[in-house]
Amino acid sequence: TCIAENIHGKLEKVVMLTEGAKPGTPHINPLKIYPDGLDLYIEEPQAEMFLRIEGFQVEIKEINKSWDQVIFLKNFKLDKKNVYNLDGLHHNTFYHVRAKSRNKAGLSD
């Protein structure tokens, strides 16, 4: 219960808190590949009941490296077109890309 009081009176409100959950994992699809980057389509997962998706974290690693050796990590705000540009990559190099959804509770798996 939250109670506020001043010279104009007193107000009591019952506040119900619910625990938020981290979001689901997004689906990704490369749209256009350039010599030094790519445009990535990220499909927003269904939002957790009370917490909307705020954006995505994209990680890129070279194909022969582990995810502990990420060479590129970028946070994006939610875009209406769902297209995110990743530039600064090396020509003739193979990469693995993954994306995580972000909400107020944290990042997806």
C-alpha atoms as a PDB file:
ATOM      1  CA  THR A   1       0.000   0.000   0.000  1.00  0.00           C
ATOM      2  CA  CYS A   2       1.248   3.457  -0.913  1.00  0.00           C
ATOM      3  CA  ILE A   3       0.082   6.368   1.233  1.00  0.00           C
ATOM      4  CA  ALA A   4       0.552  10.026   0.323  1.00  0.00           C
ATOM      5  CA  GLU A   5      -0.553  12.885   2.538  1.00  0.00           C
ATOM      6  CA  ASN A   6      -0.348  16.664   2.280  1.00  0.00           C
ATOM      7  CA  ILE A   7      -2.382  19.739   3.255  1.00  0.00           C
ATOM      8  CA  HIS A   8      -5.040  18.802   0.684  1.00  0.00           C
ATOM      9  CA  GLY A   9      -5.716  15.383   2.133  1.00  0.00           C
ATOM     10  CA  LYS A  10      -4.606  11.795   2.195  1.00  0.00           C
ATOM     11  CA  LEU A  11      -4.594   9.212  -0.581  1.00  0.00           C
ATOM     12  CA  GLU A  12      -4.041   5.476  -0.294  1.00  0.00           C
ATOM     13  CA  LYS A  13      -3.411   3.203  -3.264  1.00  0.00           C
ATOM     14  CA  VAL A  14      -2.790  -0.524  -3.320  1.00  0.00           C
ATOM     15  CA  VAL A  15       0.023  -1.305  -5.726  1.00  0.00           C
ATOM     16  CA  MET A  16       0.409  -4.783  -7.176  1.00  0.00           C
ATOM     17  CA  LEU A  17       3.918  -5.660  -8.377  1.00  0.00           C
ATOM     18  CA  THR A  18       4.569  -8.533 -10.745  1.00  0.00           C
ATOM     19  CA  GLU A  19       7.939  -9.939 -11.653  1.00  0.00           C
ATOM     20  CA  GLY A  20       8.914  -9.340 -15.266  1.00  0.00           C
ATOM     21  CA  ALA A  21      10.474 -12.005 -17.431  1.00  0.00           C
ATOM     22  CA  LYS A  22      13.241 -11.710 -19.961  1.00  0.00           C
ATOM     23  CA  PRO A  23      12.027 -11.703 -23.569  1.00  0.00           C
ATOM     24  CA  GLY A  24      11.981 -14.534 -26.076  1.00  0.00           C
ATOM     25  CA  THR A  25      14.718 -15.093 -28.644  1.00  0.00           C
ATOM     26  CA  PRO A  26      14.233 -13.190 -31.916  1.00  0.00           C
ATOM     27  CA  HIS A  27      14.400 -14.725 -35.396  1.00  0.00           C
ATOM     28  CA  ILE A  28      17.031 -13.262 -37.732  1.00  0.00           C
ATOM     29  CA  ASN A  29      17.511 -13.301 -41.476  1.00  0.00           C
ATOM     30  CA  PRO A  30      20.193 -11.563 -43.571  1.00  0.00           C
ATOM     31  CA  LEU A  31      18.531  -9.332 -46.166  1.00  0.00           C
ATOM     32  CA  LYS A  32      21.473  -7.864 -48.043  1.00  0.00           C
ATOM     33  CA  ILE A  33      25.174  -8.693 -47.783  1.00  0.00           C
ATOM     34  CA  TYR A  34      27.869  -6.121 -48.587  1.00  0.00           C
ATOM     35  CA  PRO A  35      31.665  -6.579 -48.778  1.00  0.00           C
ATOM     36  CA  ASP A  36      32.012  -4.963 -45.325  1.00  0.00           C
ATOM     37  CA  GLY A  37      28.674  -5.711 -43.635  1.00  0.00           C
ATOM     38  CA  LEU A  38      25.059  -6.727 -43.961  1.00  0.00           C
ATOM     39  CA  ASP A  39      21.475  -5.679 -43.404  1.00  0.00           C
ATOM     40  CA  LEU A  40      19.851  -7.995 -40.890  1.00  0.00           C
ATOM     41  CA  TYR A  41      16.095  -8.479 -40.527  1.00  0.00           C
ATOM     42  CA  ILE A  42      15.218  -9.184 -36.895  1.00  0.00           C
ATOM     43  CA  GLU A  43      11.741 -10.456 -36.130  1.00  0.00           C
ATOM     44  CA  GLU A  44      10.575  -9.373 -32.711  1.00  0.00           C
ATOM     45  CA  PRO A  45       9.426 -12.262 -30.493  1.00  0.00           C
ATOM     46  CA  GLN A  46       6.085 -12.099 -28.740  1.00  0.00           C
ATOM     47  CA  ALA A  47       6.484  -9.687 -25.840  1.00  0.00           C
ATOM     48  CA  GLU A  48       6.307 -10.827 -22.243  1.00  0.00           C
ATOM     49  CA  MET A  49       2.925  -9.890 -20.767  1.00  0.00           C
ATOM     50  CA  PHE A  50       3.954  -6.583 -19.136  1.00  0.00           C
ATOM     51  CA  LEU A  51       7.315  -5.755 -20.680  1.00  0.00           C
ATOM     52  CA  ARG A  52       7.629  -4.713 -24.297  1.00  0.00           C
ATOM     53  CA  ILE A  53      10.713  -5.358 -26.420  1.00  0.00           C
ATOM     54  CA  GLU A  54      12.949  -2.274 -26.397  1.00  0.00           C
ATOM     55  CA  GLY A  55      15.605  -3.402 -28.857  1.00  0.00           C
ATOM     56  CA  PHE A  56      18.195  -6.012 -29.733  1.00  0.00           C
ATOM     57  CA  GLN A  57      21.799  -6.898 -29.027  1.00  0.00           C
ATOM     58  CA  VAL A  58      23.608  -8.347 -32.048  1.00  0.00           C
ATOM     59  CA  GLU A  59      26.833 -10.338 -31.688  1.00  0.00           C
ATOM     60  CA  ILE A  60      29.139 -11.450 -34.500  1.00  0.00           C
ATOM     61  CA  LYS A  61      32.086 -13.818 -34.334  1.00  0.00           C
ATOM     62  CA  GLU A  62      34.345 -15.383 -36.910  1.00  0.00           C
ATOM     63  CA  ILE A  63      33.080 -18.828 -37.858  1.00  0.00           C
ATOM     64  CA  ASN A  64      36.105 -20.660 -36.369  1.00  0.00           C
ATOM     65  CA  LYS A  65      36.028 -18.790 -33.026  1.00  0.00           C
ATOM     66  CA  SER A  66      33.947 -19.355 -29.883  1.00  0.00           C
ATOM     67  CA  TRP A  67      31.243 -16.986 -28.635  1.00  0.00           C
ATOM     68  CA  ASP A  68      33.727 -15.872 -25.966  1.00  0.00           C
ATOM     69  CA  GLN A  69      35.643 -14.221 -28.814  1.00  0.00           C
ATOM     70  CA  VAL A  70      32.913 -11.958 -30.195  1.00  0.00           C
ATOM     71  CA  ILE A  71      34.442  -9.336 -32.483  1.00  0.00           C
ATOM     72  CA  PHE A  72      31.332  -7.214 -32.872  1.00  0.00           C
ATOM     73  CA  LEU A  73      28.647  -6.355 -30.341  1.00  0.00           C
ATOM     74  CA  LYS A  74      26.073  -3.689 -31.073  1.00  0.00           C
ATOM     75  CA  ASN A  75      22.880  -2.631 -29.315  1.00  0.00           C
ATOM     76  CA  PHE A  76      19.984  -1.399 -31.413  1.00  0.00           C
ATOM     77  CA  LYS A  77      16.775   0.356 -30.445  1.00  0.00           C
ATOM     78  CA  LEU A  78      13.601  -1.106 -31.907  1.00  0.00           C
ATOM     79  CA  ASP A  79      13.187  -0.092 -35.564  1.00  0.00           C
ATOM     80  CA  LYS A  80       9.766  -0.027 -37.266  1.00  0.00           C
ATOM     81  CA  LYS A  81      11.175  -1.671 -40.410  1.00  0.00           C
ATOM     82  CA  ASN A  82      12.971  -4.389 -38.366  1.00  0.00           C
ATOM     83  CA  VAL A  83      16.115  -3.894 -40.485  1.00  0.00           C
ATOM     84  CA  TYR A  84      19.454  -3.321 -38.772  1.00  0.00           C
ATOM     85  CA  ASN A  85      22.736  -2.487 -40.504  1.00  0.00           C
ATOM     86  CA  LEU A  86      25.929  -4.185 -39.356  1.00  0.00           C
ATOM     87  CA  ASP A  87      29.016  -2.643 -40.915  1.00  0.00           C
ATOM     88  CA  GLY A  88      32.756  -2.739 -40.298  1.00  0.00           C
ATOM     89  CA  LEU A  89      33.201  -6.432 -41.139  1.00  0.00           C
ATOM     90  CA  HIS A  90      36.122  -7.826 -43.142  1.00  0.00           C
ATOM     91  CA  HIS A  91      35.851  -8.825 -46.790  1.00  0.00           C
ATOM     92  CA  ASN A  92      36.086 -12.589 -47.550  1.00  0.00           C
ATOM     93  CA  THR A  93      35.599 -13.586 -43.908  1.00  0.00           C
ATOM     94  CA  PHE A  94      32.908 -15.977 -42.672  1.00  0.00           C
ATOM     95  CA  TYR A  95      30.898 -15.056 -39.585  1.00  0.00           C
ATOM     96  CA  HIS A  96      28.245 -16.384 -37.238  1.00  0.00           C
ATOM     97  CA  VAL A  97      25.614 -13.862 -36.155  1.00  0.00           C
ATOM     98  CA  ARG A  98      23.200 -14.028 -33.249  1.00  0.00           C
ATOM     99  CA  ALA A  99      20.706 -11.591 -31.782  1.00  0.00           C
ATOM    100  CA  LYS A 100      19.116 -11.243 -28.366  1.00  0.00           C
ATOM    101  CA  SER A 101      15.936  -9.329 -27.541  1.00  0.00           C
ATOM    102  CA  ARG A 102      16.084  -6.707 -24.787  1.00  0.00           C
ATOM    103  CA  ASN A 103      13.413  -5.542 -22.345  1.00  0.00           C
ATOM    104  CA  LYS A 104      13.498  -4.017 -18.845  1.00  0.00           C
ATOM    105  CA  ALA A 105      14.116  -7.507 -17.342  1.00  0.00           C
ATOM    106  CA  GLY A 106      17.231  -8.120 -19.446  1.00  0.00           C
ATOM    107  CA  LEU A 107      18.364 -10.010 -22.532  1.00  0.00           C
ATOM    108  CA  SER A 108      16.889 -13.148 -24.057  1.00  0.00           C
ATOM    109  CA  ASP A 109      18.845 -16.389 -24.299  1.00  0.00           C
END
